[in-house]
Amino acid sequence: MSSFQDPDHQQRQSAAAAAKQAMLQKFRASSEDPEVARRRAARVAMNEVRLVRMAEREAAKLAREAELAEQAARAAELAAQAQREVEEAGALLAAQSAERAILLEAEQKAARDARYAAREAAKKERRRGY
């Protein structure tokens, strides 16, 4: 193993520092590259367009929700009006039914009174004998 030289601590540190320095220079060179700046600007522009589209979609969604809420309110009002009409019709039907019942009762009473009067008249005639 005479051909292998074990690097000492100082050599390892200097190699690591040189590697770090090389990576830093590479990064700085790439960040100053006009192509990278152009791509970054394109990404920023795309992101801004994306944000505008998202805002437009959110505004459309809010408008759609407002329209749906308005339609729901109109439907609820129509349902309430229909319910009121049904209740009024039911009340009218109940009043007519009660009126018919009163008229029927009056007719039945008149018929009963007529039968009673006829029976009494027949009884009276039988007593007189003519």
N, C-alpha and C. Protein backbone atom coordinates (compact mmCIF):
# COMPACT_ATOMS: atom_id res chain seq x y z
N MET A 1 0.80 -1.18 0.00
CA MET A 1 0.00 0.00 0.00
C MET A 1 0.86 1.26 0.00
N SER A 2 1.96 1.15 -0.53
CA SER A 2 2.85 2.29 -0.56
C SER A 2 2.42 3.31 -1.59
N SER A 3 1.63 2.88 -2.62
CA SER A 3 1.21 3.82 -3.65
C SER A 3 0.06 4.72 -3.17
N PHE A 4 -0.69 4.32 -2.18
CA PHE A 4 -1.82 5.08 -1.68
C PHE A 4 -1.34 6.05 -0.62
N GLN A 5 -1.63 7.31 -0.81
CA GLN A 5 -1.27 8.31 0.18
C GLN A 5 -2.54 8.79 0.86
N ASP A 6 -2.53 8.69 2.12
CA ASP A 6 -3.68 9.10 2.92
C ASP A 6 -3.62 10.61 3.08
N PRO A 7 -4.63 11.36 2.56
CA PRO A 7 -4.56 12.82 2.71
C PRO A 7 -4.78 13.20 4.17
N ASP A 8 -4.01 14.15 4.58
CA ASP A 8 -4.16 14.58 5.97
C ASP A 8 -5.32 15.56 6.09
N HIS A 9 -5.55 15.99 7.27
CA HIS A 9 -6.71 16.83 7.58
C HIS A 9 -6.64 18.15 6.82
N GLN A 10 -5.49 18.73 6.74
CA GLN A 10 -5.32 20.01 6.06
C GLN A 10 -5.67 19.88 4.57
N GLN A 11 -5.25 18.83 3.94
CA GLN A 11 -5.55 18.63 2.52
C GLN A 11 -7.05 18.41 2.31
N ARG A 12 -7.68 17.66 3.17
CA ARG A 12 -9.13 17.43 3.05
C ARG A 12 -9.90 18.74 3.20
N GLN A 13 -9.50 19.56 4.16
CA GLN A 13 -10.17 20.84 4.36
C GLN A 13 -10.00 21.76 3.15
N SER A 14 -8.82 21.81 2.61
CA SER A 14 -8.58 22.69 1.47
C SER A 14 -9.35 22.17 0.25
N ALA A 15 -9.45 20.88 0.07
CA ALA A 15 -10.21 20.32 -1.05
C ALA A 15 -11.70 20.63 -0.89
N ALA A 16 -12.21 20.52 0.31
CA ALA A 16 -13.62 20.84 0.55
C ALA A 16 -13.88 22.31 0.32
N ALA A 17 -12.98 23.18 0.78
CA ALA A 17 -13.14 24.62 0.57
C ALA A 17 -13.10 24.95 -0.91
N ALA A 18 -12.20 24.28 -1.65
CA ALA A 18 -12.11 24.53 -3.09
C ALA A 18 -13.39 24.07 -3.79
N ALA A 19 -13.96 22.94 -3.37
CA ALA A 19 -15.21 22.45 -3.96
C ALA A 19 -16.35 23.42 -3.67
N LYS A 20 -16.39 23.92 -2.44
CA LYS A 20 -17.43 24.90 -2.09
C LYS A 20 -17.28 26.16 -2.92
N GLN A 21 -16.03 26.62 -3.06
CA GLN A 21 -15.78 27.83 -3.84
C GLN A 21 -16.19 27.62 -5.30
N ALA A 22 -15.90 26.43 -5.85
CA ALA A 22 -16.25 26.14 -7.23
C ALA A 22 -17.78 26.11 -7.40
N MET A 23 -18.49 25.50 -6.45
CA MET A 23 -19.95 25.48 -6.52
C MET A 23 -20.52 26.89 -6.42
N LEU A 24 -19.98 27.74 -5.55
CA LEU A 24 -20.44 29.10 -5.39
C LEU A 24 -20.22 29.89 -6.68
N GLN A 25 -19.07 29.72 -7.30
CA GLN A 25 -18.79 30.43 -8.56
C GLN A 25 -19.74 29.95 -9.66
N LYS A 26 -20.00 28.67 -9.68
CA LYS A 26 -20.91 28.12 -10.68
C LYS A 26 -22.32 28.69 -10.49
N PHE A 27 -22.75 28.78 -9.23
CA PHE A 27 -24.08 29.33 -8.92
C PHE A 27 -24.15 30.80 -9.31
N ARG A 28 -23.11 31.58 -8.96
CA ARG A 28 -23.10 33.01 -9.31
C ARG A 28 -23.11 33.19 -10.83
N ALA A 29 -22.36 32.37 -11.52
CA ALA A 29 -22.32 32.47 -12.97
C ALA A 29 -23.69 32.15 -13.56
N SER A 30 -24.35 31.13 -13.01
CA SER A 30 -25.67 30.76 -13.55
C SER A 30 -26.72 31.81 -13.19
N SER A 31 -26.59 32.47 -12.04
CA SER A 31 -27.58 33.48 -11.68
C SER A 31 -27.39 34.75 -12.49
N GLU A 32 -26.19 35.00 -13.00
CA GLU A 32 -25.95 36.18 -13.83
C GLU A 32 -26.18 35.89 -15.31
N ASP A 33 -26.47 34.65 -15.64
CA ASP A 33 -26.68 34.26 -17.03
C ASP A 33 -27.97 34.89 -17.55
N PRO A 34 -27.98 35.54 -18.72
CA PRO A 34 -29.19 36.17 -19.24
C PRO A 34 -30.29 35.15 -19.56
N GLU A 35 -29.91 33.96 -19.94
CA GLU A 35 -30.91 32.92 -20.23
C GLU A 35 -31.68 32.55 -18.96
N VAL A 36 -30.97 32.43 -17.84
CA VAL A 36 -31.62 32.13 -16.56
C VAL A 36 -32.53 33.28 -16.16
N ALA A 37 -32.07 34.50 -16.35
CA ALA A 37 -32.89 35.67 -16.02
C ALA A 37 -34.14 35.70 -16.90
N ARG A 38 -33.99 35.36 -18.19
CA ARG A 38 -35.13 35.34 -19.09
C ARG A 38 -36.14 34.27 -18.66
N ARG A 39 -35.65 33.09 -18.29
CA ARG A 39 -36.55 32.02 -17.83
C ARG A 39 -37.23 32.41 -16.53
N ARG A 40 -36.48 33.06 -15.63
CA ARG A 40 -37.08 33.51 -14.36
C ARG A 40 -38.17 34.54 -14.64
N ALA A 41 -37.91 35.47 -15.54
CA ALA A 41 -38.92 36.48 -15.89
C ALA A 41 -40.13 35.82 -16.52
N ALA A 42 -39.91 34.80 -17.35
CA ALA A 42 -41.03 34.09 -17.95
C ALA A 42 -41.85 33.38 -16.88
N ARG A 43 -41.17 32.76 -15.92
CA ARG A 43 -41.90 32.09 -14.82
C ARG A 43 -42.70 33.10 -14.01
N VAL A 44 -42.12 34.27 -13.73
CA VAL A 44 -42.83 35.30 -12.97
C VAL A 44 -44.05 35.77 -13.76
N ALA A 45 -43.88 35.97 -15.07
CA ALA A 45 -45.01 36.41 -15.90
C ALA A 45 -46.10 35.35 -15.92
N MET A 46 -45.70 34.07 -16.07
CA MET A 46 -46.70 32.99 -16.05
C MET A 46 -47.42 32.93 -14.72
N ASN A 47 -46.68 33.13 -13.65
CA ASN A 47 -47.30 33.10 -12.32
C ASN A 47 -48.30 34.25 -12.18
N GLU A 48 -47.95 35.44 -12.69
CA GLU A 48 -48.88 36.56 -12.61
C GLU A 48 -50.14 36.29 -13.44
N VAL A 49 -49.96 35.72 -14.63
CA VAL A 49 -51.12 35.37 -15.47
C VAL A 49 -51.97 34.33 -14.75
N ARG A 50 -51.32 33.36 -14.12
CA ARG A 50 -52.04 32.33 -13.38
C ARG A 50 -52.83 32.95 -12.23
N LEU A 51 -52.21 33.91 -11.53
CA LEU A 51 -52.92 34.57 -10.43
C LEU A 51 -54.12 35.36 -10.95
N VAL A 52 -53.96 36.01 -12.11
CA VAL A 52 -55.08 36.76 -12.69
C VAL A 52 -56.21 35.80 -13.05
N ARG A 53 -55.86 34.67 -13.68
CA ARG A 53 -56.90 33.68 -14.03
C ARG A 53 -57.59 33.15 -12.78
N MET A 54 -56.81 32.89 -11.73
CA MET A 54 -57.41 32.39 -10.48
C MET A 54 -58.36 33.43 -9.91
N ALA A 55 -57.97 34.71 -9.95
CA ALA A 55 -58.84 35.78 -9.44
C ALA A 55 -60.12 35.87 -10.28
N GLU A 56 -59.98 35.73 -11.62
CA GLU A 56 -61.16 35.76 -12.48
C GLU A 56 -62.09 34.58 -12.18
N ARG A 57 -61.49 33.41 -11.99
CA ARG A 57 -62.32 32.23 -11.66
C ARG A 57 -63.02 32.42 -10.32
N GLU A 58 -62.31 32.99 -9.35
CA GLU A 58 -62.91 33.22 -8.03
C GLU A 58 -64.05 34.22 -8.14
N ALA A 59 -63.84 35.27 -8.95
CA ALA A 59 -64.91 36.27 -9.14
C ALA A 59 -66.11 35.63 -9.83
N ALA A 60 -65.85 34.79 -10.85
CA ALA A 60 -66.95 34.11 -11.53
C ALA A 60 -67.67 33.16 -10.58
N LYS A 61 -66.90 32.50 -9.73
CA LYS A 61 -67.51 31.58 -8.75
C LYS A 61 -68.39 32.35 -7.77
N LEU A 62 -67.90 33.49 -7.29
CA LEU A 62 -68.70 34.30 -6.37
C LEU A 62 -69.97 34.81 -7.05
N ALA A 63 -69.85 35.23 -8.32
CA ALA A 63 -71.02 35.69 -9.05
C ALA A 63 -72.01 34.56 -9.23
N ARG A 64 -71.51 33.36 -9.54
CA ARG A 64 -72.38 32.20 -9.71
C ARG A 64 -73.07 31.85 -8.39
N GLU A 65 -72.32 31.92 -7.30
CA GLU A 65 -72.92 31.63 -5.99
C GLU A 65 -73.97 32.67 -5.63
N ALA A 66 -73.70 33.94 -5.97
CA ALA A 66 -74.68 34.99 -5.69
C ALA A 66 -75.94 34.76 -6.52
N GLU A 67 -75.78 34.37 -7.78
CA GLU A 67 -76.93 34.08 -8.63
C GLU A 67 -77.72 32.89 -8.08
N LEU A 68 -77.00 31.86 -7.65
CA LEU A 68 -77.68 30.69 -7.07
C LEU A 68 -78.43 31.07 -5.80
N ALA A 69 -77.81 31.92 -4.98
CA ALA A 69 -78.48 32.35 -3.74
C ALA A 69 -79.73 33.16 -4.08
N GLU A 70 -79.63 34.01 -5.11
CA GLU A 70 -80.79 34.80 -5.53
C GLU A 70 -81.89 33.89 -6.05
N GLN A 71 -81.51 32.88 -6.84
CA GLN A 71 -82.51 31.94 -7.35
C GLN A 71 -83.14 31.16 -6.21
N ALA A 72 -82.33 30.77 -5.22
CA ALA A 72 -82.86 30.04 -4.07
C ALA A 72 -83.84 30.92 -3.29
N ALA A 73 -83.50 32.21 -3.15
CA ALA A 73 -84.40 33.12 -2.44
C ALA A 73 -85.71 33.27 -3.20
N ARG A 74 -85.60 33.40 -4.56
CA ARG A 74 -86.83 33.49 -5.35
C ARG A 74 -87.66 32.22 -5.23
N ALA A 75 -86.99 31.08 -5.28
CA ALA A 75 -87.70 29.80 -5.16
C ALA A 75 -88.37 29.68 -3.79
N ALA A 76 -87.67 30.13 -2.74
CA ALA A 76 -88.25 30.08 -1.40
C ALA A 76 -89.47 31.00 -1.31
N GLU A 77 -89.37 32.18 -1.93
CA GLU A 77 -90.50 33.10 -1.92
C GLU A 77 -91.69 32.51 -2.67
N LEU A 78 -91.41 31.90 -3.83
CA LEU A 78 -92.48 31.26 -4.59
C LEU A 78 -93.11 30.11 -3.82
N ALA A 79 -92.27 29.34 -3.13
CA ALA A 79 -92.79 28.24 -2.33
C ALA A 79 -93.65 28.76 -1.19
N ALA A 80 -93.19 29.85 -0.56
CA ALA A 80 -93.98 30.43 0.54
C ALA A 80 -95.31 30.97 0.00
N GLN A 81 -95.26 31.61 -1.16
CA GLN A 81 -96.50 32.12 -1.76
C GLN A 81 -97.45 30.97 -2.11
N ALA A 82 -96.89 29.89 -2.67
CA ALA A 82 -97.72 28.73 -3.00
C ALA A 82 -98.32 28.14 -1.72
N GLN A 83 -97.55 28.10 -0.66
CA GLN A 83 -98.05 27.58 0.62
C GLN A 83 -99.18 28.45 1.14
N ARG A 84 -98.99 29.79 1.03
CA ARG A 84 -100.06 30.69 1.47
C ARG A 84 -101.32 30.47 0.64
N GLU A 85 -101.15 30.30 -0.68
CA GLU A 85 -102.31 30.07 -1.54
C GLU A 85 -103.01 28.76 -1.18
N VAL A 86 -102.21 27.73 -0.88
CA VAL A 86 -102.80 26.45 -0.47
C VAL A 86 -103.56 26.61 0.83
N GLU A 87 -102.98 27.35 1.77
CA GLU A 87 -103.67 27.56 3.05
C GLU A 87 -104.95 28.35 2.86
N GLU A 88 -104.89 29.39 1.98
CA GLU A 88 -106.10 30.18 1.72
C GLU A 88 -107.17 29.31 1.05
N ALA A 89 -106.74 28.48 0.10
CA ALA A 89 -107.69 27.60 -0.57
C ALA A 89 -108.28 26.60 0.43
N GLY A 90 -107.44 26.10 1.32
CA GLY A 90 -107.93 25.19 2.35
C GLY A 90 -108.93 25.87 3.27
N ALA A 91 -108.63 27.11 3.65
CA ALA A 91 -109.55 27.85 4.51
C ALA A 91 -110.87 28.11 3.77
N LEU A 92 -110.76 28.47 2.49
CA LEU A 92 -111.96 28.71 1.71
C LEU A 92 -112.78 27.43 1.56
N LEU A 93 -112.10 26.33 1.30
CA LEU A 93 -112.77 25.05 1.18
C LEU A 93 -113.44 24.66 2.50
N ALA A 94 -112.75 24.91 3.61
CA ALA A 94 -113.34 24.59 4.91
C ALA A 94 -114.56 25.47 5.17
N ALA A 95 -114.48 26.74 4.80
CA ALA A 95 -115.63 27.64 4.99
C ALA A 95 -116.80 27.19 4.12
N GLN A 96 -116.53 26.83 2.87
CA GLN A 96 -117.60 26.35 1.99
C GLN A 96 -118.19 25.06 2.52
N SER A 97 -117.34 24.18 3.00
CA SER A 97 -117.83 22.91 3.56
C SER A 97 -118.70 23.16 4.78
N ALA A 98 -118.27 24.09 5.63
CA ALA A 98 -119.08 24.41 6.82
C ALA A 98 -120.41 25.03 6.41
N GLU A 99 -120.38 25.87 5.39
CA GLU A 99 -121.61 26.49 4.91
C GLU A 99 -122.56 25.44 4.34
N ARG A 100 -121.97 24.51 3.55
CA ARG A 100 -122.81 23.41 3.02
C ARG A 100 -123.39 22.57 4.15
N ALA A 101 -122.59 22.33 5.17
CA ALA A 101 -123.08 21.53 6.30
C ALA A 101 -124.22 22.26 7.01
N ILE A 102 -124.09 23.57 7.16
CA ILE A 102 -125.15 24.34 7.80
C ILE A 102 -126.42 24.31 6.95
N LEU A 103 -126.26 24.48 5.63
CA LEU A 103 -127.42 24.43 4.74
C LEU A 103 -128.08 23.05 4.76
N LEU A 104 -127.27 22.00 4.74
CA LEU A 104 -127.80 20.64 4.80
C LEU A 104 -128.55 20.41 6.10
N GLU A 105 -127.97 20.90 7.19
CA GLU A 105 -128.62 20.75 8.49
C GLU A 105 -129.94 21.51 8.52
N ALA A 106 -129.95 22.71 7.93
CA ALA A 106 -131.20 23.49 7.88
C ALA A 106 -132.25 22.77 7.03
N GLU A 107 -131.83 22.20 5.88
CA GLU A 107 -132.77 21.46 5.04
C GLU A 107 -133.32 20.24 5.78
N GLN A 108 -132.43 19.52 6.47
CA GLN A 108 -132.87 18.35 7.21
C GLN A 108 -133.84 18.75 8.33
N LYS A 109 -133.55 19.87 8.98
CA LYS A 109 -134.44 20.34 10.05
C LYS A 109 -135.80 20.73 9.46
N ALA A 110 -135.77 21.40 8.30
CA ALA A 110 -137.03 21.80 7.66
C ALA A 110 -137.82 20.55 7.27
N ALA A 111 -137.17 19.54 6.73
CA ALA A 111 -137.86 18.31 6.35
C ALA A 111 -138.40 17.61 7.60
N ARG A 112 -137.62 17.60 8.66
CA ARG A 112 -138.07 16.97 9.90
C ARG A 112 -139.27 17.72 10.47
N ASP A 113 -139.18 19.06 10.45
CA ASP A 113 -140.30 19.86 10.95
C ASP A 113 -141.55 19.65 10.10
N ALA A 114 -141.38 19.51 8.78
CA ALA A 114 -142.53 19.28 7.90
C ALA A 114 -143.16 17.92 8.21
N ARG A 115 -142.32 16.90 8.42
CA ARG A 115 -142.87 15.58 8.77
C ARG A 115 -143.61 15.64 10.11
N TYR A 116 -143.01 16.36 11.07
CA TYR A 116 -143.65 16.49 12.38
C TYR A 116 -145.00 17.20 12.24
N ALA A 117 -145.00 18.28 11.46
CA ALA A 117 -146.25 19.04 11.26
C ALA A 117 -147.30 18.17 10.56
N ALA A 118 -146.87 17.38 9.57
CA ALA A 118 -147.81 16.51 8.87
C ALA A 118 -148.35 15.44 9.81
N ARG A 119 -147.49 14.90 10.65
CA ARG A 119 -147.92 13.88 11.60
C ARG A 119 -148.89 14.48 12.61
N GLU A 120 -148.58 15.66 13.10
CA GLU A 120 -149.48 16.31 14.05
C GLU A 120 -150.82 16.65 13.40
N ALA A 121 -150.77 17.10 12.14
CA ALA A 121 -152.02 17.43 11.43
C ALA A 121 -152.85 16.16 11.23
N ALA A 122 -152.20 15.06 10.90
CA ALA A 122 -152.92 13.80 10.70
C ALA A 122 -153.52 13.35 12.02
N LYS A 123 -152.79 13.52 13.12
CA LYS A 123 -153.30 13.14 14.44
C LYS A 123 -154.53 13.98 14.78
N LYS A 124 -154.42 15.28 14.51
CA LYS A 124 -155.53 16.18 14.81
C LYS A 124 -156.75 15.82 13.99
N GLU A 125 -156.53 15.46 12.75
CA GLU A 125 -157.66 15.10 11.87
C GLU A 125 -158.30 13.80 12.34
N ARG A 126 -157.51 12.89 12.81
CA ARG A 126 -158.07 11.63 13.30
C ARG A 126 -158.88 11.88 14.57
N ARG A 127 -158.46 12.80 15.38
CA ARG A 127 -159.22 13.08 16.61
C ARG A 127 -160.56 13.73 16.30
N ARG A 128 -160.57 14.61 15.35
CA ARG A 128 -161.82 15.28 15.00
C ARG A 128 -162.77 14.32 14.28
N GLY A 129 -162.16 13.45 13.55
CA GLY A 129 -162.97 12.47 12.86
C GLY A 129 -163.43 12.90 11.49
N TYR A 130 -162.93 13.84 10.90
CA TYR A 130 -163.35 14.19 9.53
C TYR A 130 -162.22 14.40 8.64
